[in-house]
Amino acid sequence: MKRFMAVCFLFLFALMVHPISSGATSWAYHFVVWDGYVYEITEEPVSEVEEEIGEVTAYNDMAQERGNYSNTLQEGTSYYKISGVSSDKAIAVKDRDGTLVKAVRLKEYTYGGMPYHTDSNEEVYVFLGIGALIGILILFRIRSLKKA
């Protein structure tokens, strides 16, 4: 029984010191999300815009966000309707240099989001492992008390 307890505690210790990796996201391209769609930011300059149609409400280069979000541009960066171009095709955004560039619509943005960010489920497995270990220890303790 003592050997089993020692193995259980070693297992618990290993779970606790296991490094939990950060699940940083690697983006394939720079983008903004506007009105439920992803727009890839290009380097193509835009000379004429009609009106401001929105702005970046959340910036995060590590994880997805809800709303008008970007993995490149800071909060408050404006979106514009390009003269003569449907916003279903493209919009204009100010890049980091302040130049208006085209952002081409790619696809619907389907991220539902969580009220908090979890890039990895490893934390859940650690807590489940600890709970299972405690449960096993309790069962063995009850079993040893019944034998006595």
C-alpha atoms as a PDB file:
ATOM      1  CA  MET A   1       0.000   0.000   0.000  1.00  0.00           C
ATOM      2  CA  LYS A   2       2.847   2.381   0.805  1.00  0.00           C
ATOM      3  CA  ARG A   3       4.429   1.653  -2.562  1.00  0.00           C
ATOM      4  CA  PHE A   4       1.138   2.436  -4.315  1.00  0.00           C
ATOM      5  CA  MET A   5       0.813   5.715  -2.382  1.00  0.00           C
ATOM      6  CA  ALA A   6       4.374   6.669  -3.335  1.00  0.00           C
ATOM      7  CA  VAL A   7       3.654   5.993  -7.024  1.00  0.00           C
ATOM      8  CA  CYS A   8       0.442   8.048  -6.803  1.00  0.00           C
ATOM      9  CA  PHE A   9       2.281  10.989  -5.251  1.00  0.00           C
ATOM     10  CA  LEU A  10       5.028  10.788  -7.882  1.00  0.00           C
ATOM     11  CA  PHE A  11       2.339  10.804 -10.570  1.00  0.00           C
ATOM     12  CA  LEU A  12       0.666  13.804  -8.940  1.00  0.00           C
ATOM     13  CA  PHE A  13       4.005  15.603  -8.685  1.00  0.00           C
ATOM     14  CA  ALA A  14       4.734  14.896 -12.366  1.00  0.00           C
ATOM     15  CA  LEU A  15       1.361  16.370 -13.341  1.00  0.00           C
ATOM     16  CA  MET A  16       1.984  19.499 -11.311  1.00  0.00           C
ATOM     17  CA  VAL A  17       5.456  20.217 -12.665  1.00  0.00           C
ATOM     18  CA  HIS A  18       4.633  19.349 -16.277  1.00  0.00           C
ATOM     19  CA  PRO A  19       5.119  22.529 -18.286  1.00  0.00           C
ATOM     20  CA  ILE A  20       1.858  23.745 -19.734  1.00  0.00           C
ATOM     21  CA  SER A  21       2.531  24.977 -23.241  1.00  0.00           C
ATOM     22  CA  SER A  22       1.220  28.261 -24.469  1.00  0.00           C
ATOM     23  CA  GLY A  23      -0.975  27.688 -27.478  1.00  0.00           C
ATOM     24  CA  ALA A  24       0.142  30.698 -29.468  1.00  0.00           C
ATOM     25  CA  THR A  25      -1.531  31.024 -32.822  1.00  0.00           C
ATOM     26  CA  SER A  26       0.439  31.251 -36.039  1.00  0.00           C
ATOM     27  CA  TRP A  27      -1.455  33.344 -38.570  1.00  0.00           C
ATOM     28  CA  ALA A  28      -1.166  32.683 -42.300  1.00  0.00           C
ATOM     29  CA  TYR A  29      -1.950  36.316 -43.189  1.00  0.00           C
ATOM     30  CA  HIS A  30      -2.844  39.708 -41.712  1.00  0.00           C
ATOM     31  CA  PHE A  31      -6.572  40.267 -41.450  1.00  0.00           C
ATOM     32  CA  VAL A  32      -9.457  42.218 -39.993  1.00  0.00           C
ATOM     33  CA  VAL A  33     -12.932  40.994 -39.182  1.00  0.00           C
ATOM     34  CA  TRP A  34     -15.821  43.251 -40.094  1.00  0.00           C
ATOM     35  CA  ASP A  35     -19.546  42.561 -40.126  1.00  0.00           C
ATOM     36  CA  GLY A  36     -19.013  38.828 -39.581  1.00  0.00           C
ATOM     37  CA  TYR A  37     -16.452  38.300 -42.380  1.00  0.00           C
ATOM     38  CA  VAL A  38     -12.674  37.910 -42.562  1.00  0.00           C
ATOM     39  CA  TYR A  39     -10.870  40.386 -44.820  1.00  0.00           C
ATOM     40  CA  GLU A  40      -7.219  39.728 -45.738  1.00  0.00           C
ATOM     41  CA  ILE A  41      -5.142  42.893 -45.614  1.00  0.00           C
ATOM     42  CA  THR A  42      -3.217  43.411 -48.841  1.00  0.00           C
ATOM     43  CA  GLU A  43      -0.470  45.886 -49.751  1.00  0.00           C
ATOM     44  CA  GLU A  44      -2.611  47.389 -52.525  1.00  0.00           C
ATOM     45  CA  PRO A  45      -3.085  51.107 -51.821  1.00  0.00           C
ATOM     46  CA  VAL A  46      -6.553  52.664 -51.949  1.00  0.00           C
ATOM     47  CA  SER A  47      -6.903  56.243 -53.175  1.00  0.00           C
ATOM     48  CA  GLU A  48     -10.614  56.991 -52.802  1.00  0.00           C
ATOM     49  CA  VAL A  49     -12.926  56.041 -49.955  1.00  0.00           C
ATOM     50  CA  GLU A  50     -16.514  57.071 -49.321  1.00  0.00           C
ATOM     51  CA  GLU A  51     -17.172  56.760 -45.610  1.00  0.00           C
ATOM     52  CA  GLU A  52     -16.011  55.137 -42.404  1.00  0.00           C
ATOM     53  CA  ILE A  53     -17.970  51.918 -41.861  1.00  0.00           C
ATOM     54  CA  GLY A  54     -16.446  50.569 -38.664  1.00  0.00           C
ATOM     55  CA  GLU A  55     -13.309  50.101 -36.630  1.00  0.00           C
ATOM     56  CA  VAL A  56     -11.205  47.450 -34.934  1.00  0.00           C
ATOM     57  CA  THR A  57     -12.783  46.767 -31.540  1.00  0.00           C
ATOM     58  CA  ALA A  58     -10.307  44.090 -30.422  1.00  0.00           C
ATOM     59  CA  TYR A  59      -6.661  43.374 -31.251  1.00  0.00           C
ATOM     60  CA  ASN A  60      -5.034  40.058 -30.430  1.00  0.00           C
ATOM     61  CA  ASP A  61      -2.138  38.405 -32.225  1.00  0.00           C
ATOM     62  CA  MET A  62      -2.283  35.275 -30.054  1.00  0.00           C
ATOM     63  CA  ALA A  63      -5.922  34.159 -30.050  1.00  0.00           C
ATOM     64  CA  GLN A  64      -9.231  34.805 -31.757  1.00  0.00           C
ATOM     65  CA  GLU A  65     -11.611  37.469 -30.476  1.00  0.00           C
ATOM     66  CA  ARG A  66     -15.241  38.355 -30.944  1.00  0.00           C
ATOM     67  CA  GLY A  67     -16.451  41.331 -32.965  1.00  0.00           C
ATOM     68  CA  ASN A  68     -14.473  43.545 -35.336  1.00  0.00           C
ATOM     69  CA  TYR A  69     -11.126  42.074 -34.510  1.00  0.00           C
ATOM     70  CA  SER A  70      -7.669  42.105 -36.079  1.00  0.00           C
ATOM     71  CA  ASN A  71      -4.492  40.115 -35.656  1.00  0.00           C
ATOM     72  CA  THR A  72      -2.466  43.086 -36.934  1.00  0.00           C
ATOM     73  CA  LEU A  73      -4.187  46.442 -36.434  1.00  0.00           C
ATOM     74  CA  GLN A  74      -4.742  48.117 -33.081  1.00  0.00           C
ATOM     75  CA  GLU A  75      -8.131  48.910 -31.550  1.00  0.00           C
ATOM     76  CA  GLY A  76      -9.657  52.050 -33.030  1.00  0.00           C
ATOM     77  CA  THR A  77      -8.234  51.526 -36.540  1.00  0.00           C
ATOM     78  CA  SER A  78     -10.976  52.579 -38.956  1.00  0.00           C
ATOM     79  CA  TYR A  79     -12.571  50.608 -41.802  1.00  0.00           C
ATOM     80  CA  TYR A  80     -13.737  52.454 -44.918  1.00  0.00           C
ATOM     81  CA  LYS A  81     -15.975  51.740 -47.907  1.00  0.00           C
ATOM     82  CA  ILE A  82     -13.927  51.909 -51.096  1.00  0.00           C
ATOM     83  CA  SER A  83     -15.439  54.146 -53.806  1.00  0.00           C
ATOM     84  CA  GLY A  84     -17.024  52.017 -56.533  1.00  0.00           C
ATOM     85  CA  VAL A  85     -16.358  48.697 -54.744  1.00  0.00           C
ATOM     86  CA  SER A  86     -18.931  46.656 -52.854  1.00  0.00           C
ATOM     87  CA  SER A  87     -17.996  45.970 -49.235  1.00  0.00           C
ATOM     88  CA  ASP A  88     -18.937  42.351 -50.016  1.00  0.00           C
ATOM     89  CA  LYS A  89     -15.726  42.269 -52.089  1.00  0.00           C
ATOM     90  CA  ALA A  90     -13.287  44.551 -50.235  1.00  0.00           C
ATOM     91  CA  ILE A  91     -12.909  47.364 -47.724  1.00  0.00           C
ATOM     92  CA  ALA A  92     -10.091  49.787 -46.952  1.00  0.00           C
ATOM     93  CA  VAL A  93      -8.142  49.926 -43.686  1.00  0.00           C
ATOM     94  CA  LYS A  94      -5.282  52.078 -42.484  1.00  0.00           C
ATOM     95  CA  ASP A  95      -2.136  50.014 -42.203  1.00  0.00           C
ATOM     96  CA  ARG A  96       0.508  50.586 -39.529  1.00  0.00           C
ATOM     97  CA  ASP A  97       2.011  53.441 -41.564  1.00  0.00           C
ATOM     98  CA  GLY A  98      -1.367  55.195 -41.824  1.00  0.00           C
ATOM     99  CA  THR A  99      -1.729  54.386 -45.530  1.00  0.00           C
ATOM    100  CA  LEU A 100      -5.126  53.212 -46.769  1.00  0.00           C
ATOM    101  CA  VAL A 101      -4.845  49.675 -48.160  1.00  0.00           C
ATOM    102  CA  LYS A 102      -7.331  47.176 -49.530  1.00  0.00           C
ATOM    103  CA  ALA A 103      -8.600  44.297 -47.396  1.00  0.00           C
ATOM    104  CA  VAL A 104     -10.202  41.573 -49.541  1.00  0.00           C
ATOM    105  CA  ARG A 105     -13.128  39.560 -48.196  1.00  0.00           C
ATOM    106  CA  LEU A 106     -12.240  35.872 -47.809  1.00  0.00           C
ATOM    107  CA  LYS A 107     -14.839  34.027 -45.770  1.00  0.00           C
ATOM    108  CA  GLU A 108     -17.394  34.182 -43.012  1.00  0.00           C
ATOM    109  CA  TYR A 109     -15.942  34.578 -39.523  1.00  0.00           C
ATOM    110  CA  THR A 110     -17.411  31.669 -37.582  1.00  0.00           C
ATOM    111  CA  TYR A 111     -15.611  32.003 -34.254  1.00  0.00           C
ATOM    112  CA  GLY A 112     -18.199  31.792 -31.471  1.00  0.00           C
ATOM    113  CA  GLY A 113     -15.748  32.543 -28.736  1.00  0.00           C
ATOM    114  CA  MET A 114     -15.551  31.840 -25.067  1.00  0.00           C
ATOM    115  CA  PRO A 115     -15.967  34.440 -22.344  1.00  0.00           C
ATOM    116  CA  TYR A 116     -12.302  33.802 -21.526  1.00  0.00           C
ATOM    117  CA  HIS A 117      -9.312  32.637 -23.541  1.00  0.00           C
ATOM    118  CA  THR A 118      -8.063  29.080 -23.427  1.00  0.00           C
ATOM    119  CA  ASP A 119      -5.451  28.237 -25.990  1.00  0.00           C
ATOM    120  CA  SER A 120      -4.957  24.772 -24.584  1.00  0.00           C
ATOM    121  CA  ASN A 121      -6.958  22.124 -22.779  1.00  0.00           C
ATOM    122  CA  GLU A 122      -3.960  20.889 -20.823  1.00  0.00           C
ATOM    123  CA  GLU A 123      -5.145  22.655 -17.674  1.00  0.00           C
ATOM    124  CA  VAL A 124      -8.380  20.669 -17.798  1.00  0.00           C
ATOM    125  CA  TYR A 125      -6.480  17.380 -18.066  1.00  0.00           C
ATOM    126  CA  VAL A 126      -4.242  18.298 -15.132  1.00  0.00           C
ATOM    127  CA  PHE A 127      -7.248  18.977 -12.911  1.00  0.00           C
ATOM    128  CA  LEU A 128      -9.014  15.823 -14.109  1.00  0.00           C
ATOM    129  CA  GLY A 129      -5.883  13.809 -13.343  1.00  0.00           C
ATOM    130  CA  ILE A 130      -5.586  15.300  -9.874  1.00  0.00           C
ATOM    131  CA  GLY A 131      -9.277  14.616  -9.211  1.00  0.00           C
ATOM    132  CA  ALA A 132      -8.953  11.011 -10.394  1.00  0.00           C
ATOM    133  CA  LEU A 133      -5.896  10.493  -8.209  1.00  0.00           C
ATOM    134  CA  ILE A 134      -7.662  11.882  -5.147  1.00  0.00           C
ATOM    135  CA  GLY A 135     -10.660   9.651  -5.896  1.00  0.00           C
ATOM    136  CA  ILE A 136      -8.430   6.568  -6.117  1.00  0.00           C
ATOM    137  CA  LEU A 137      -6.717   7.458  -2.851  1.00  0.00           C
ATOM    138  CA  ILE A 138     -10.071   7.858  -1.096  1.00  0.00           C
ATOM    139  CA  LEU A 139     -11.273   4.484  -2.422  1.00  0.00           C
ATOM    140  CA  PHE A 140      -8.111   2.727  -1.216  1.00  0.00           C
ATOM    141  CA  ARG A 141      -8.381   4.419   2.173  1.00  0.00           C
ATOM    142  CA  ILE A 142     -12.003   3.269   2.557  1.00  0.00           C
ATOM    143  CA  ARG A 143     -11.020  -0.229   1.463  1.00  0.00           C
ATOM    144  CA  SER A 144      -8.159  -0.403   3.986  1.00  0.00           C
ATOM    145  CA  LEU A 145     -10.464   0.815   6.797  1.00  0.00           C
ATOM    146  CA  LYS A 146     -13.020  -1.919   6.003  1.00  0.00           C
ATOM    147  CA  LYS A 147     -10.317  -4.605   6.235  1.00  0.00           C
ATOM    148  CA  ALA A 148      -9.167  -3.373   9.652  1.00  0.00           C
END
